[in-house]
């Protein structure tokens, strides 16, 4: 019974980890211009929630989310005219900013939008 409780507790902690990681980065991130842009425009800020991420015209659902150190890794499943594609996203909060790596190529340093 004690082993079962320990296993149950460990399972609950592991299950809660992605939600806690997303809470630290949830919200809108950008520069002054993008924070004031229309929600669905290509200039809109990075928007992160527990279930979706949007940026630079891509609107994606979160397929998988995990954390290594301070970095939150997301497998973003995005749709376009060609169908669904998987985009790796890495988000690292630091000093009131968010370092973003989108699809291993696009990198940015963003601040939280008001």
Protein backbone atom coordinates (compact mmCIF):
# COMPACT_ATOMS: atom_id res chain seq x y z
CA UNK A 1 0.00 0.00 0.00
CA UNK A 2 2.83 2.42 0.84
CA UNK A 3 4.54 1.64 -2.49
CA UNK A 4 1.24 2.30 -4.29
CA UNK A 5 0.85 5.68 -2.55
CA UNK A 6 4.42 6.63 -3.51
CA UNK A 7 3.77 5.61 -7.11
CA UNK A 8 0.50 7.55 -7.14
CA UNK A 9 2.17 10.66 -5.70
CA UNK A 10 5.00 10.46 -8.25
CA UNK A 11 2.46 10.07 -11.06
CA UNK A 12 0.54 13.13 -9.92
CA UNK A 13 3.71 15.23 -9.70
CA UNK A 14 4.80 14.18 -13.20
CA UNK A 15 1.31 14.85 -14.61
CA UNK A 16 1.27 18.33 -13.08
CA UNK A 17 4.72 19.33 -14.39
CA UNK A 18 3.61 20.33 -17.94
CA UNK A 19 0.81 22.51 -16.58
CA UNK A 20 3.18 24.27 -14.17
CA UNK A 21 5.67 24.82 -17.00
CA UNK A 22 2.98 26.33 -19.23
CA UNK A 23 1.78 28.64 -16.43
CA UNK A 24 5.20 30.34 -16.27
CA UNK A 25 5.10 31.14 -19.99
CA UNK A 26 1.35 31.46 -20.60
CA UNK A 27 0.24 34.75 -22.09
CA UNK A 28 1.19 37.12 -24.88
CA UNK A 29 4.85 37.93 -25.65
CA UNK A 30 6.30 40.41 -28.15
CA UNK A 31 7.65 43.91 -28.71
CA UNK A 32 5.57 47.10 -28.55
CA UNK A 33 4.39 46.84 -32.16
CA UNK A 34 3.40 43.18 -32.01
CA UNK A 35 1.69 43.57 -28.62
CA UNK A 36 -0.61 46.14 -30.25
CA UNK A 37 -1.20 44.15 -33.47
CA UNK A 38 -4.46 42.39 -34.35
CA UNK A 39 -4.80 38.91 -32.84
CA UNK A 40 -4.66 36.89 -36.09
CA UNK A 41 -2.24 39.10 -38.06
CA UNK A 42 1.25 37.89 -38.99
CA UNK A 43 2.60 40.65 -36.71
CA UNK A 44 0.63 39.44 -33.67
CA UNK A 45 2.56 38.55 -30.51
CA UNK A 46 3.50 35.03 -29.52
CA UNK A 47 0.49 33.63 -27.65
CA UNK A 48 0.99 30.62 -25.37
CA UNK A 49 -1.58 28.60 -23.40
CA UNK A 50 -1.75 25.06 -22.01
CA UNK A 51 -3.36 23.82 -25.23
CA UNK A 52 -2.27 26.19 -28.05
CA UNK A 53 0.56 28.37 -29.33
CA UNK A 54 0.34 31.05 -32.06
CA UNK A 55 3.08 33.05 -33.73
CA UNK A 56 4.06 34.46 -37.14
CA UNK A 57 0.90 33.21 -38.83
CA UNK A 58 1.09 29.69 -37.37
CA UNK A 59 -1.79 28.61 -35.17
CA UNK A 60 -1.02 25.32 -33.45
CA UNK A 61 -2.28 22.97 -30.79
CA UNK A 62 0.12 21.65 -28.17
CA UNK A 63 0.80 17.99 -28.89
CA UNK A 64 3.36 17.53 -26.15
CA UNK A 65 5.01 19.80 -23.59
CA UNK A 66 7.92 19.11 -21.27
CA UNK A 67 10.55 21.04 -19.38
CA UNK A 68 14.33 20.65 -19.21
CA UNK A 69 16.00 23.04 -16.79
CA UNK A 70 14.44 26.47 -17.42
CA UNK A 71 13.37 25.69 -20.99
CA UNK A 72 9.85 24.58 -21.93
CA UNK A 73 9.76 22.42 -25.06
CA UNK A 74 6.56 22.17 -27.08
CA UNK A 75 5.67 19.88 -29.96
CA UNK A 76 3.33 22.26 -31.80
CA UNK A 77 0.95 20.60 -34.25
CA UNK A 78 0.10 23.21 -36.87
CA UNK A 79 -2.32 23.15 -39.79
CA UNK A 80 -2.02 24.83 -43.16
CA UNK A 81 -3.25 24.08 -46.70
CA UNK A 82 -0.78 21.20 -46.98
CA UNK A 83 -2.07 19.53 -43.80
CA UNK A 84 -0.73 19.06 -40.29
CA UNK A 85 2.96 19.52 -39.52
CA UNK A 86 4.95 19.28 -36.31
CA UNK A 87 6.97 22.34 -35.26
CA UNK A 88 9.43 22.17 -32.35
CA UNK A 89 9.22 25.23 -30.09
CA UNK A 90 11.57 26.05 -27.20
CA UNK A 91 10.66 28.79 -24.70
CA UNK A 92 12.96 29.98 -21.91
CA UNK A 93 11.85 32.70 -19.51
CA UNK A 94 14.64 34.83 -18.00
CA UNK A 95 14.78 38.28 -16.45
CA UNK A 96 11.24 39.23 -17.46
CA UNK A 97 11.83 38.17 -21.07
CA UNK A 98 11.19 35.03 -23.09
CA UNK A 99 13.75 33.47 -25.45
CA UNK A 100 11.94 31.74 -28.30
CA UNK A 101 13.22 29.21 -30.82
CA UNK A 102 10.51 28.37 -33.37
CA UNK A 103 11.01 25.48 -35.77
CA UNK A 104 14.76 25.41 -34.95
CA UNK A 105 15.30 28.52 -37.10
CA UNK A 106 13.38 31.60 -35.99
CA UNK A 107 14.78 33.05 -32.76
CA UNK A 108 13.63 36.04 -30.74
CA UNK A 109 13.81 37.70 -27.32
CA UNK A 110 10.32 38.86 -26.32
CA UNK A 111 8.78 40.63 -23.33
CA UNK A 112 5.38 39.97 -21.78
CA UNK A 113 2.66 42.11 -23.36
CA UNK A 114 0.64 44.31 -20.97
